[in-house]
C-alpha atoms as a PDB file:
ATOM      1  CA  MET A   1     166.380-116.142 -57.478  1.00  0.00           C
ATOM      2  CA  SER A   2     164.542-113.622 -55.282  1.00  0.00           C
ATOM      3  CA  ASP A   3     160.943-113.458 -54.120  1.00  0.00           C
ATOM      4  CA  GLY A   4     161.346-109.787 -53.172  1.00  0.00           C
ATOM      5  CA  SER A   5     162.279-110.375 -49.533  1.00  0.00           C
ATOM      6  CA  HIS A   6     164.824-113.156 -49.813  1.00  0.00           C
ATOM      7  CA  THR A   7     167.425-114.058 -52.423  1.00  0.00           C
ATOM      8  CA  ALA A   8     168.177-117.767 -52.634  1.00  0.00           C
ATOM      9  CA  VAL A   9     171.924-118.368 -52.522  1.00  0.00           C
ATOM     10  CA  LEU A  10     173.562-120.333 -55.352  1.00  0.00           C
ATOM     11  CA  ALA A  11     170.079-120.840 -56.760  1.00  0.00           C
ATOM     12  CA  GLU A  12     170.908-121.869 -60.335  1.00  0.00           C
ATOM     13  CA  GLN A  13     173.948-123.866 -59.262  1.00  0.00           C
ATOM     14  CA  ALA A  14     171.945-125.768 -56.635  1.00  0.00           C
ATOM     15  CA  VAL A  15     169.143-126.702 -59.023  1.00  0.00           C
ATOM     16  CA  ASN A  16     171.678-127.621 -61.713  1.00  0.00           C
ATOM     17  CA  GLY A  17     173.338-129.833 -59.108  1.00  0.00           C
ATOM     18  CA  LEU A  18     170.075-131.695 -58.568  1.00  0.00           C
ATOM     19  CA  SER A  19     170.059-132.597 -62.293  1.00  0.00           C
ATOM     20  CA  VAL A  20     166.279-132.241 -62.341  1.00  0.00           C
ATOM     21  CA  ARG A  21     164.322-134.754 -64.436  1.00  0.00           C
ATOM     22  CA  SER A  22     160.997-133.543 -65.776  1.00  0.00           C
ATOM     23  CA  ASP A  23     159.143-136.495 -64.217  1.00  0.00           C
ATOM     24  CA  GLY A  24     161.218-136.697 -61.039  1.00  0.00           C
ATOM     25  CA  VAL A  25     160.347-136.381 -57.357  1.00  0.00           C
ATOM     26  CA  TYR A  26     162.267-133.736 -55.393  1.00  0.00           C
ATOM     27  CA  VAL A  27     162.396-132.449 -51.828  1.00  0.00           C
ATOM     28  CA  ASP A  28     163.340-128.918 -50.783  1.00  0.00           C
ATOM     29  CA  CYS A  29     164.030-129.440 -47.077  1.00  0.00           C
ATOM     30  CA  THR A  30     164.418-125.718 -46.348  1.00  0.00           C
ATOM     31  CA  PHE A  31     161.729-123.792 -48.239  1.00  0.00           C
ATOM     32  CA  GLY A  32     162.482-120.355 -46.748  1.00  0.00           C
ATOM     33  CA  ARG A  33     160.681-118.113 -49.214  1.00  0.00           C
ATOM     34  CA  GLY A  34     160.737-120.591 -52.071  1.00  0.00           C
ATOM     35  CA  GLY A  35     163.540-119.381 -54.328  1.00  0.00           C
ATOM     36  CA  HIS A  36     164.950-122.854 -54.912  1.00  0.00           C
ATOM     37  CA  SER A  37     161.506-124.474 -55.016  1.00  0.00           C
ATOM     38  CA  ARG A  38     160.306-122.166 -57.766  1.00  0.00           C
ATOM     39  CA  LEU A  39     163.331-122.983 -59.907  1.00  0.00           C
ATOM     40  CA  ILE A  40     162.786-126.714 -59.410  1.00  0.00           C
ATOM     41  CA  LEU A  41     159.120-126.379 -60.383  1.00  0.00           C
ATOM     42  CA  ALA A  42     160.135-124.484 -63.528  1.00  0.00           C
ATOM     43  CA  ARG A  43     162.142-127.528 -64.639  1.00  0.00           C
ATOM     44  CA  LEU A  44     159.567-130.171 -63.749  1.00  0.00           C
ATOM     45  CA  GLY A  45     157.074-131.494 -66.257  1.00  0.00           C
ATOM     46  CA  PRO A  46     153.418-132.333 -65.586  1.00  0.00           C
ATOM     47  CA  ALA A  47     154.356-135.666 -63.984  1.00  0.00           C
ATOM     48  CA  GLY A  48     156.993-134.161 -61.685  1.00  0.00           C
ATOM     49  CA  ARG A  49     156.501-133.635 -57.976  1.00  0.00           C
ATOM     50  CA  LEU A  50     158.060-131.346 -55.362  1.00  0.00           C
ATOM     51  CA  LEU A  51     157.729-131.620 -51.592  1.00  0.00           C
ATOM     52  CA  ALA A  52     158.938-128.697 -49.468  1.00  0.00           C
ATOM     53  CA  LEU A  53     159.554-128.610 -45.712  1.00  0.00           C
ATOM     54  CA  ASP A  54     160.218-125.835 -43.230  1.00  0.00           C
ATOM     55  CA  ARG A  55     160.101-125.611 -39.441  1.00  0.00           C
ATOM     56  CA  ASP A  56     159.143-121.908 -39.587  1.00  0.00           C
ATOM     57  CA  ALA A  57     155.398-121.292 -39.735  1.00  0.00           C
ATOM     58  CA  ASP A  58     155.999-118.002 -41.575  1.00  0.00           C
ATOM     59  CA  ALA A  59     157.724-119.907 -44.395  1.00  0.00           C
ATOM     60  CA  VAL A  60     154.837-122.382 -44.547  1.00  0.00           C
ATOM     61  CA  ALA A  61     152.412-119.478 -44.861  1.00  0.00           C
ATOM     62  CA  ALA A  62     154.502-117.927 -47.644  1.00  0.00           C
ATOM     63  CA  ALA A  63     154.280-121.201 -49.588  1.00  0.00           C
ATOM     64  CA  GLY A  64     150.569-120.555 -50.012  1.00  0.00           C
ATOM     65  CA  ALA A  65     151.503-118.202 -52.849  1.00  0.00           C
ATOM     66  CA  ILE A  66     152.608-121.179 -54.960  1.00  0.00           C
ATOM     67  CA  GLY A  67     149.501-122.434 -56.675  1.00  0.00           C
ATOM     68  CA  ASP A  68     150.805-125.587 -58.312  1.00  0.00           C
ATOM     69  CA  GLU A  69     149.278-129.044 -58.014  1.00  0.00           C
ATOM     70  CA  ARG A  70     152.741-130.597 -58.331  1.00  0.00           C
ATOM     71  CA  PHE A  71     153.826-128.848 -55.122  1.00  0.00           C
ATOM     72  CA  ARG A  72     153.194-129.810 -51.491  1.00  0.00           C
ATOM     73  CA  MET A  73     154.320-127.855 -48.415  1.00  0.00           C
ATOM     74  CA  LEU A  74     154.687-129.372 -44.930  1.00  0.00           C
ATOM     75  CA  HIS A  75     155.529-127.812 -41.564  1.00  0.00           C
ATOM     76  CA  GLY A  76     158.290-129.767 -39.816  1.00  0.00           C
ATOM     77  CA  ARG A  77     161.969-130.314 -39.129  1.00  0.00           C
ATOM     78  CA  PHE A  78     164.028-131.889 -41.878  1.00  0.00           C
ATOM     79  CA  SER A  79     165.324-134.468 -39.412  1.00  0.00           C
ATOM     80  CA  ARG A  80     161.817-135.979 -39.803  1.00  0.00           C
ATOM     81  CA  LEU A  81     162.214-136.179 -43.577  1.00  0.00           C
ATOM     82  CA  GLY A  82     161.388-139.865 -43.993  1.00  0.00           C
ATOM     83  CA  GLU A  83     158.299-139.701 -41.786  1.00  0.00           C
ATOM     84  CA  LEU A  84     156.980-136.506 -43.387  1.00  0.00           C
ATOM     85  CA  ALA A  85     157.589-137.719 -46.942  1.00  0.00           C
ATOM     86  CA  ALA A  86     155.929-141.078 -46.258  1.00  0.00           C
ATOM     87  CA  GLY A  87     152.902-139.250 -44.899  1.00  0.00           C
ATOM     88  CA  VAL A  88     152.249-137.773 -48.360  1.00  0.00           C
ATOM     89  CA  GLY A  89     153.079-140.951 -50.247  1.00  0.00           C
ATOM     90  CA  ILE A  90     156.714-140.254 -51.120  1.00  0.00           C
ATOM     91  CA  THR A  91     158.969-143.246 -50.449  1.00  0.00           C
ATOM     92  CA  ALA A  92     161.815-142.348 -52.828  1.00  0.00           C
ATOM     93  CA  ALA A  93     163.196-139.091 -54.233  1.00  0.00           C
ATOM     94  CA  ASP A  94     165.354-138.194 -57.213  1.00  0.00           C
ATOM     95  CA  GLY A  95     166.893-135.183 -55.497  1.00  0.00           C
ATOM     96  CA  ILE A  96     167.027-133.493 -52.102  1.00  0.00           C
ATOM     97  CA  LEU A  97     168.169-129.955 -51.285  1.00  0.00           C
ATOM     98  CA  LEU A  98     169.215-128.513 -47.912  1.00  0.00           C
ATOM     99  CA  ASP A  99     169.923-124.771 -47.696  1.00  0.00           C
ATOM    100  CA  LEU A 100     171.096-124.449 -44.106  1.00  0.00           C
ATOM    101  CA  GLY A 101     171.111-121.641 -41.572  1.00  0.00           C
ATOM    102  CA  VAL A 102     168.833-118.666 -41.060  1.00  0.00           C
ATOM    103  CA  SER A 103     166.932-116.934 -43.874  1.00  0.00           C
ATOM    104  CA  SER A 104     166.908-113.219 -44.696  1.00  0.00           C
ATOM    105  CA  PRO A 105     163.239-112.791 -43.638  1.00  0.00           C
ATOM    106  CA  GLN A 106     164.098-114.282 -40.250  1.00  0.00           C
ATOM    107  CA  LEU A 107     167.091-111.967 -39.846  1.00  0.00           C
ATOM    108  CA  ASP A 108     165.212-108.906 -41.059  1.00  0.00           C
ATOM    109  CA  ASP A 109     162.107-109.331 -38.901  1.00  0.00           C
ATOM    110  CA  PRO A 110     162.857-107.572 -35.586  1.00  0.00           C
ATOM    111  CA  ALA A 111     160.236-109.652 -33.764  1.00  0.00           C
ATOM    112  CA  ARG A 112     162.256-112.834 -34.385  1.00  0.00           C
ATOM    113  CA  GLY A 113     165.197-111.604 -32.316  1.00  0.00           C
ATOM    114  CA  PHE A 114     167.881-113.085 -34.590  1.00  0.00           C
ATOM    115  CA  SER A 115     169.819-109.866 -35.202  1.00  0.00           C
ATOM    116  CA  TRP A 116     171.593-107.267 -33.091  1.00  0.00           C
ATOM    117  CA  ARG A 117     170.605-104.625 -35.682  1.00  0.00           C
ATOM    118  CA  PHE A 118     167.193-104.113 -34.052  1.00  0.00           C
ATOM    119  CA  ASP A 119     166.076-103.576 -30.475  1.00  0.00           C
ATOM    120  CA  ALA A 120     163.722-106.527 -30.072  1.00  0.00           C
ATOM    121  CA  PRO A 121     162.861-109.379 -27.702  1.00  0.00           C
ATOM    122  CA  LEU A 122     165.507-112.119 -27.596  1.00  0.00           C
ATOM    123  CA  ASP A 123     163.564-114.980 -29.180  1.00  0.00           C
ATOM    124  CA  MET A 124     165.701-116.712 -31.870  1.00  0.00           C
ATOM    125  CA  ARG A 125     163.420-119.741 -32.288  1.00  0.00           C
ATOM    126  CA  MET A 126     162.969-120.907 -35.869  1.00  0.00           C
ATOM    127  CA  ASP A 127     159.735-122.580 -34.819  1.00  0.00           C
ATOM    128  CA  ARG A 128     157.910-120.291 -32.412  1.00  0.00           C
ATOM    129  CA  GLY A 129     155.425-123.033 -31.652  1.00  0.00           C
ATOM    130  CA  GLY A 130     157.645-124.556 -28.974  1.00  0.00           C
ATOM    131  CA  GLY A 131     160.952-124.517 -27.125  1.00  0.00           C
ATOM    132  CA  ILE A 132     162.489-121.811 -24.967  1.00  0.00           C
ATOM    133  CA  THR A 133     163.549-118.378 -26.165  1.00  0.00           C
ATOM    134  CA  ALA A 134     167.102-117.075 -26.037  1.00  0.00           C
ATOM    135  CA  ALA A 135     166.104-114.766 -23.164  1.00  0.00           C
ATOM    136  CA  GLU A 136     164.705-117.679 -21.171  1.00  0.00           C
ATOM    137  CA  TRP A 137     167.833-119.765 -21.722  1.00  0.00           C
ATOM    138  CA  LEU A 138     170.187-116.909 -20.799  1.00  0.00           C
ATOM    139  CA  ALA A 139     168.272-116.471 -17.539  1.00  0.00           C
ATOM    140  CA  GLN A 140     168.810-120.073 -16.447  1.00  0.00           C
ATOM    141  CA  ALA A 141     172.081-121.253 -18.023  1.00  0.00           C
ATOM    142  CA  SER A 142     175.015-121.848 -15.705  1.00  0.00           C
ATOM    143  CA  PRO A 143     178.299-119.967 -16.320  1.00  0.00           C
ATOM    144  CA  GLU A 144     179.797-123.240 -17.587  1.00  0.00           C
ATOM    145  CA  GLU A 145     176.922-123.788 -20.035  1.00  0.00           C
ATOM    146  CA  LEU A 146     177.234-120.223 -21.306  1.00  0.00           C
ATOM    147  CA  ARG A 147     180.975-120.646 -21.937  1.00  0.00           C
ATOM    148  CA  GLU A 148     180.560-123.995 -23.669  1.00  0.00           C
ATOM    149  CA  VAL A 149     177.788-122.834 -25.984  1.00  0.00           C
ATOM    150  CA  LEU A 150     179.647-119.673 -27.008  1.00  0.00           C
ATOM    151  CA  LYS A 151     182.864-121.608 -27.577  1.00  0.00           C
ATOM    152  CA  ASN A 152     181.454-124.695 -29.306  1.00  0.00           C
ATOM    153  CA  TYR A 153     178.694-123.135 -31.413  1.00  0.00           C
ATOM    154  CA  GLY A 154     180.131-119.666 -32.007  1.00  0.00           C
ATOM    155  CA  GLU A 155     183.856-120.458 -32.004  1.00  0.00           C
ATOM    156  CA  GLU A 156     184.120-117.404 -29.779  1.00  0.00           C
ATOM    157  CA  ARG A 157     187.620-116.752 -28.341  1.00  0.00           C
ATOM    158  CA  PHE A 158     186.214-114.572 -25.576  1.00  0.00           C
ATOM    159  CA  ALA A 159     183.556-117.023 -24.415  1.00  0.00           C
ATOM    160  CA  LYS A 160     184.751-116.883 -20.797  1.00  0.00           C
ATOM    161  CA  GLN A 161     184.643-113.096 -20.649  1.00  0.00           C
ATOM    162  CA  ILE A 162     181.229-112.865 -22.334  1.00  0.00           C
ATOM    163  CA  ALA A 163     179.778-115.510 -20.007  1.00  0.00           C
ATOM    164  CA  ALA A 164     181.057-113.580 -16.986  1.00  0.00           C
ATOM    165  CA  ALA A 165     179.520-110.357 -18.309  1.00  0.00           C
ATOM    166  CA  LEU A 166     176.174-112.097 -18.837  1.00  0.00           C
ATOM    167  CA  VAL A 167     176.144-113.594 -15.349  1.00  0.00           C
ATOM    168  CA  ALA A 168     176.974-110.204 -13.796  1.00  0.00           C
ATOM    169  CA  ALA A 169     174.312-108.455 -15.874  1.00  0.00           C
ATOM    170  CA  ARG A 170     171.492-110.858 -15.080  1.00  0.00           C
ATOM    171  CA  ALA A 171     172.188-110.433 -11.360  1.00  0.00           C
ATOM    172  CA  ARG A 172     171.044-106.832 -11.863  1.00  0.00           C
ATOM    173  CA  GLY A 173     168.051-107.702 -14.048  1.00  0.00           C
ATOM    174  CA  PRO A 174     166.945-109.903 -16.961  1.00  0.00           C
ATOM    175  CA  VAL A 175     168.779-109.803 -20.290  1.00  0.00           C
ATOM    176  CA  CYS A 176     165.794-109.901 -22.613  1.00  0.00           C
ATOM    177  CA  THR A 177     166.478-107.778 -25.705  1.00  0.00           C
ATOM    178  CA  THR A 178     168.864-108.019 -28.625  1.00  0.00           C
ATOM    179  CA  ARG A 179     170.416-104.604 -27.948  1.00  0.00           C
ATOM    180  CA  GLN A 180     171.049-105.507 -24.312  1.00  0.00           C
ATOM    181  CA  LEU A 181     172.876-108.660 -25.355  1.00  0.00           C
ATOM    182  CA  ALA A 182     174.886-106.936 -28.088  1.00  0.00           C
ATOM    183  CA  ALA A 183     175.970-104.192 -25.699  1.00  0.00           C
ATOM    184  CA  LEU A 184     177.062-106.722 -23.070  1.00  0.00           C
ATOM    185  CA  VAL A 185     179.143-108.640 -25.590  1.00  0.00           C
ATOM    186  CA  ALA A 186     180.770-105.417 -26.791  1.00  0.00           C
ATOM    187  CA  THR A 187     181.946-104.628 -23.256  1.00  0.00           C
ATOM    188  CA  ALA A 188     183.518-108.098 -22.916  1.00  0.00           C
ATOM    189  CA  ILE A 189     185.586-108.111 -26.126  1.00  0.00           C
ATOM    190  CA  PRO A 190     188.623-105.780 -26.235  1.00  0.00           C
ATOM    191  CA  ALA A 191     188.447-103.264 -29.077  1.00  0.00           C
ATOM    192  CA  ARG A 192     191.856-104.351 -30.398  1.00  0.00           C
ATOM    193  CA  ALA A 193     190.632-107.951 -30.733  1.00  0.00           C
ATOM    194  CA  ARG A 194     187.506-107.205 -32.745  1.00  0.00           C
ATOM    195  CA  GLU A 195     187.284-108.302 -36.357  1.00  0.00           C
ATOM    196  CA  PRO A 196     186.970-105.464 -38.872  1.00  0.00           C
ATOM    197  CA  HIS A 197     183.567-105.013 -40.532  1.00  0.00           C
ATOM    198  CA  GLN A 198     181.919-107.441 -38.090  1.00  0.00           C
ATOM    199  CA  ASP A 199     179.814-106.620 -35.048  1.00  0.00           C
ATOM    200  CA  PRO A 200     181.455-108.047 -31.899  1.00  0.00           C
ATOM    201  CA  ALA A 201     178.173-109.817 -31.056  1.00  0.00           C
ATOM    202  CA  THR A 202     178.115-111.811 -34.317  1.00  0.00           C
ATOM    203  CA  ARG A 203     179.535-115.033 -32.893  1.00  0.00           C
ATOM    204  CA  THR A 204     177.412-114.859 -29.739  1.00  0.00           C
ATOM    205  CA  PHE A 205     174.198-114.478 -31.716  1.00  0.00           C
ATOM    206  CA  GLN A 206     175.263-117.318 -34.017  1.00  0.00           C
ATOM    207  CA  ALA A 207     176.059-119.579 -31.074  1.00  0.00           C
ATOM    208  CA  LEU A 208     172.733-118.997 -29.325  1.00  0.00           C
ATOM    209  CA  ARG A 209     170.727-119.473 -32.514  1.00  0.00           C
ATOM    210  CA  ILE A 210     172.478-122.711 -33.476  1.00  0.00           C
ATOM    211  CA  TYR A 211     172.247-124.118 -29.964  1.00  0.00           C
ATOM    212  CA  LEU A 212     168.611-123.207 -29.281  1.00  0.00           C
ATOM    213  CA  ASN A 213     167.433-124.574 -32.639  1.00  0.00           C
ATOM    214  CA  GLN A 214     169.639-127.682 -32.437  1.00  0.00           C
ATOM    215  CA  GLU A 215     170.842-126.911 -35.947  1.00  0.00           C
ATOM    216  CA  LEU A 216     173.921-129.140 -35.931  1.00  0.00           C
ATOM    217  CA  GLU A 217     172.073-132.035 -34.336  1.00  0.00           C
ATOM    218  CA  GLU A 218     169.267-131.663 -36.891  1.00  0.00           C
ATOM    219  CA  LEU A 219     171.781-131.732 -39.730  1.00  0.00           C
ATOM    220  CA  SER A 220     173.544-134.819 -38.373  1.00  0.00           C
ATOM    221  CA  LEU A 221     170.202-136.635 -38.135  1.00  0.00           C
ATOM    222  CA  ALA A 222     168.963-135.473 -41.550  1.00  0.00           C
ATOM    223  CA  LEU A 223     171.928-136.441 -43.732  1.00  0.00           C
ATOM    224  CA  PRO A 224     171.581-140.233 -43.369  1.00  0.00           C
ATOM    225  CA  ARG A 225     167.802-139.919 -43.755  1.00  0.00           C
ATOM    226  CA  CYS A 226     168.319-138.048 -47.012  1.00  0.00           C
ATOM    227  CA  MET A 227     170.475-140.900 -48.291  1.00  0.00           C
ATOM    228  CA  GLU A 228     167.827-143.430 -47.286  1.00  0.00           C
ATOM    229  CA  LEU A 229     165.124-141.564 -49.206  1.00  0.00           C
ATOM    230  CA  LEU A 230     167.172-141.017 -52.373  1.00  0.00           C
ATOM    231  CA  ARG A 231     166.770-143.379 -55.283  1.00  0.00           C
ATOM    232  CA  PRO A 232     169.907-144.845 -56.874  1.00  0.00           C
ATOM    233  CA  ARG A 233     171.562-142.032 -58.860  1.00  0.00           C
ATOM    234  CA  GLY A 234     169.534-139.479 -56.900  1.00  0.00           C
ATOM    235  CA  ARG A 235     171.325-136.259 -55.980  1.00  0.00           C
ATOM    236  CA  LEU A 236     171.860-134.576 -52.595  1.00  0.00           C
ATOM    237  CA  VAL A 237     172.755-130.862 -52.631  1.00  0.00           C
ATOM    238  CA  VAL A 238     173.718-129.107 -49.379  1.00  0.00           C
ATOM    239  CA  ILE A 239     174.484-125.400 -48.946  1.00  0.00           C
ATOM    240  CA  SER A 240     176.266-124.492 -45.697  1.00  0.00           C
ATOM    241  CA  PHE A 241     177.080-121.064 -44.285  1.00  0.00           C
ATOM    242  CA  HIS A 242     179.746-121.662 -41.659  1.00  0.00           C
ATOM    243  CA  SER A 243     182.496-124.108 -40.855  1.00  0.00           C
ATOM    244  CA  LEU A 244     180.551-126.071 -38.208  1.00  0.00           C
ATOM    245  CA  GLU A 245     177.847-127.035 -40.722  1.00  0.00           C
ATOM    246  CA  ASP A 246     180.223-127.640 -43.601  1.00  0.00           C
ATOM    247  CA  ARG A 247     182.458-129.858 -41.457  1.00  0.00           C
ATOM    248  CA  ILE A 248     179.509-132.153 -40.690  1.00  0.00           C
ATOM    249  CA  VAL A 249     178.463-132.304 -44.354  1.00  0.00           C
ATOM    250  CA  LYS A 250     182.001-132.878 -45.634  1.00  0.00           C
ATOM    251  CA  ARG A 251     182.754-135.654 -43.158  1.00  0.00           C
ATOM    252  CA  PHE A 252     179.448-137.396 -43.808  1.00  0.00           C
ATOM    253  CA  LEU A 253     179.804-137.333 -47.585  1.00  0.00           C
ATOM    254  CA  ARG A 254     183.430-138.407 -47.497  1.00  0.00           C
ATOM    255  CA  GLY A 255     182.500-141.293 -45.241  1.00  0.00           C
ATOM    256  CA  GLU A 256     179.725-142.351 -47.617  1.00  0.00           C
ATOM    257  CA  ALA A 257     182.065-142.055 -50.597  1.00  0.00           C
ATOM    258  CA  ARG A 258     184.687-144.402 -49.148  1.00  0.00           C
ATOM    259  CA  PRO A 259     184.186-148.174 -49.341  1.00  0.00           C
ATOM    260  CA  ASP A 260     183.999-149.799 -45.919  1.00  0.00           C
ATOM    261  CA  ARG A 261     187.494-150.731 -44.880  1.00  0.00           C
ATOM    262  CA  LEU A 262     187.986-154.412 -44.200  1.00  0.00           C
ATOM    263  CA  PRO A 263     190.564-155.875 -41.803  1.00  0.00           C
ATOM    264  CA  ALA A 264     193.981-156.483 -43.331  1.00  0.00           C
ATOM    265  CA  ARG A 265     194.606-159.954 -44.836  1.00  0.00           C
ATOM    266  CA  LEU A 266     190.916-160.854 -44.811  1.00  0.00           C
ATOM    267  CA  PRO A 267     190.539-163.604 -47.463  1.00  0.00           C
ATOM    268  CA  VAL A 268     187.934-161.980 -49.730  1.00  0.00           C
ATOM    269  CA  ARG A 269     188.015-161.156 -53.398  1.00  0.00           C
ATOM    270  CA  ALA A 270     187.979-157.494 -54.461  1.00  0.00           C
ATOM    271  CA  ALA A 271     184.570-157.972 -56.087  1.00  0.00           C
ATOM    272  CA  GLU A 272     183.104-158.965 -52.729  1.00  0.00           C
ATOM    273  CA  THR A 273     184.238-155.851 -50.861  1.00  0.00           C
ATOM    274  CA  ALA A 274     181.796-153.078 -50.057  1.00  0.00           C
ATOM    275  CA  GLN A 275     181.328-150.324 -52.631  1.00  0.00           C
ATOM    276  CA  PRO A 276     181.011-146.566 -52.064  1.00  0.00           C
ATOM    277  CA  ARG A 277     177.469-145.489 -51.261  1.00  0.00           C
ATOM    278  CA  VAL A 278     177.814-142.103 -52.975  1.00  0.00           C
ATOM    279  CA  ALA A 279     179.925-140.366 -55.582  1.00  0.00           C
ATOM    280  CA  LEU A 280     181.030-136.812 -54.854  1.00  0.00           C
ATOM    281  CA  ILE A 281     180.133-134.531 -57.759  1.00  0.00           C
ATOM    282  CA  GLY A 282     182.893-132.024 -58.361  1.00  0.00           C
ATOM    283  CA  ARG A 283     184.477-129.847 -55.713  1.00  0.00           C
ATOM    284  CA  ALA A 284     182.819-127.539 -53.224  1.00  0.00           C
ATOM    285  CA  ILE A 285     181.143-124.613 -55.002  1.00  0.00           C
ATOM    286  CA  ARG A 286     181.193-121.048 -53.687  1.00  0.00           C
ATOM    287  CA  PRO A 287     179.399-117.920 -54.916  1.00  0.00           C
ATOM    288  CA  ASP A 288     181.290-115.828 -57.426  1.00  0.00           C
ATOM    289  CA  ALA A 289     182.157-112.180 -56.880  1.00  0.00           C
ATOM    290  CA  ALA A 290     179.084-110.971 -58.739  1.00  0.00           C
ATOM    291  CA  GLU A 291     176.691-112.917 -56.493  1.00  0.00           C
ATOM    292  CA  VAL A 292     178.455-111.777 -53.327  1.00  0.00           C
ATOM    293  CA  ALA A 293     178.297-108.164 -54.512  1.00  0.00           C
ATOM    294  CA  ALA A 294     174.561-108.502 -55.201  1.00  0.00           C
ATOM    295  CA  ASN A 295     173.851-110.489 -52.018  1.00  0.00           C
ATOM    296  CA  PRO A 296     176.536-110.054 -49.314  1.00  0.00           C
ATOM    297  CA  ARG A 297     174.927-112.777 -47.170  1.00  0.00           C
ATOM    298  CA  ALA A 298     176.085-115.287 -49.801  1.00  0.00           C
ATOM    299  CA  ARG A 299     179.777-114.666 -49.097  1.00  0.00           C
ATOM    300  CA  SER A 300     180.261-117.603 -46.687  1.00  0.00           C
ATOM    301  CA  ALA A 301     178.172-120.158 -48.620  1.00  0.00           C
ATOM    302  CA  VAL A 302     179.667-123.528 -49.576  1.00  0.00           C
ATOM    303  CA  MET A 303     177.732-126.047 -51.692  1.00  0.00           C
ATOM    304  CA  ARG A 304     178.483-129.759 -51.903  1.00  0.00           C
ATOM    305  CA  ILE A 305     176.834-132.282 -54.241  1.00  0.00           C
ATOM    306  CA  ALA A 306     176.728-136.069 -54.021  1.00  0.00           C
ATOM    307  CA  GLU A 307     175.017-138.765 -56.078  1.00  0.00           C
ATOM    308  CA  LYS A 308     173.771-141.999 -54.567  1.00  0.00           C
ATOM    309  CA  ALA A 309     175.356-145.130 -56.008  1.00  0.00           C
ATOM    310  CA  ALA A 310     173.367-147.217 -58.469  1.00  0.00           C
END
């Protein structure tokens, strides 16, 4: 579903995965521009309720276009899910959705500094109300920090070379625009080693964005809080866009789906052993060729669904 500026990935599949009840309570932890939220609202009855969260003030402002008394929008990180939900009287939910990563409006707004496609200030903050910008961090990070961030958050093979190029460049003057950064990265990666149809700065921009916004840490904090808020038989749907996110989601859900392992030869009956906390619903879902053709940014999406045990 599209609002004109952003197409929600796996929109129908995600809302189907939530198994929306007409009188249920649902949380869209990543409102973006509301594609998923609008579909959820379309399936809710008069007694249903939807809470949406987003750390981006622009997304919160966009939610003002939804005039529906069943809908509530809050500005905040999804790692604060329990606290934010309790603040509006929600202590249990029938379904929770997380659509991870950066949204198309964030990528397409030059002022946000998320993309190498525009010459713009290096910002990259999802919440511009606090934290340091990418330019500020690049100016103060040690060579070791630069290498580690590029390697660990961007899976960049040439992290050492890019870090060296950044350190040399900032000795001549500040690296403060997206085009400056993209050009520096291009000089550090040999042409023969570049991936076809991908800008050489892709992994560097990804690494800085994930690191500055603490995206993986936020996800690791949010997943157990989602399970706490879900009612028995409530559904959790998570859409990831790269292997670092999906690895965290997959490991968490698999851990929740396995009964706690007890020491060998412990004298307990099978009925007394711990039970799985969730059931995994089907296999990972990916966009089909038609969706990828219509929305190329969907090509790396992976969706996983789990249901809380009764």
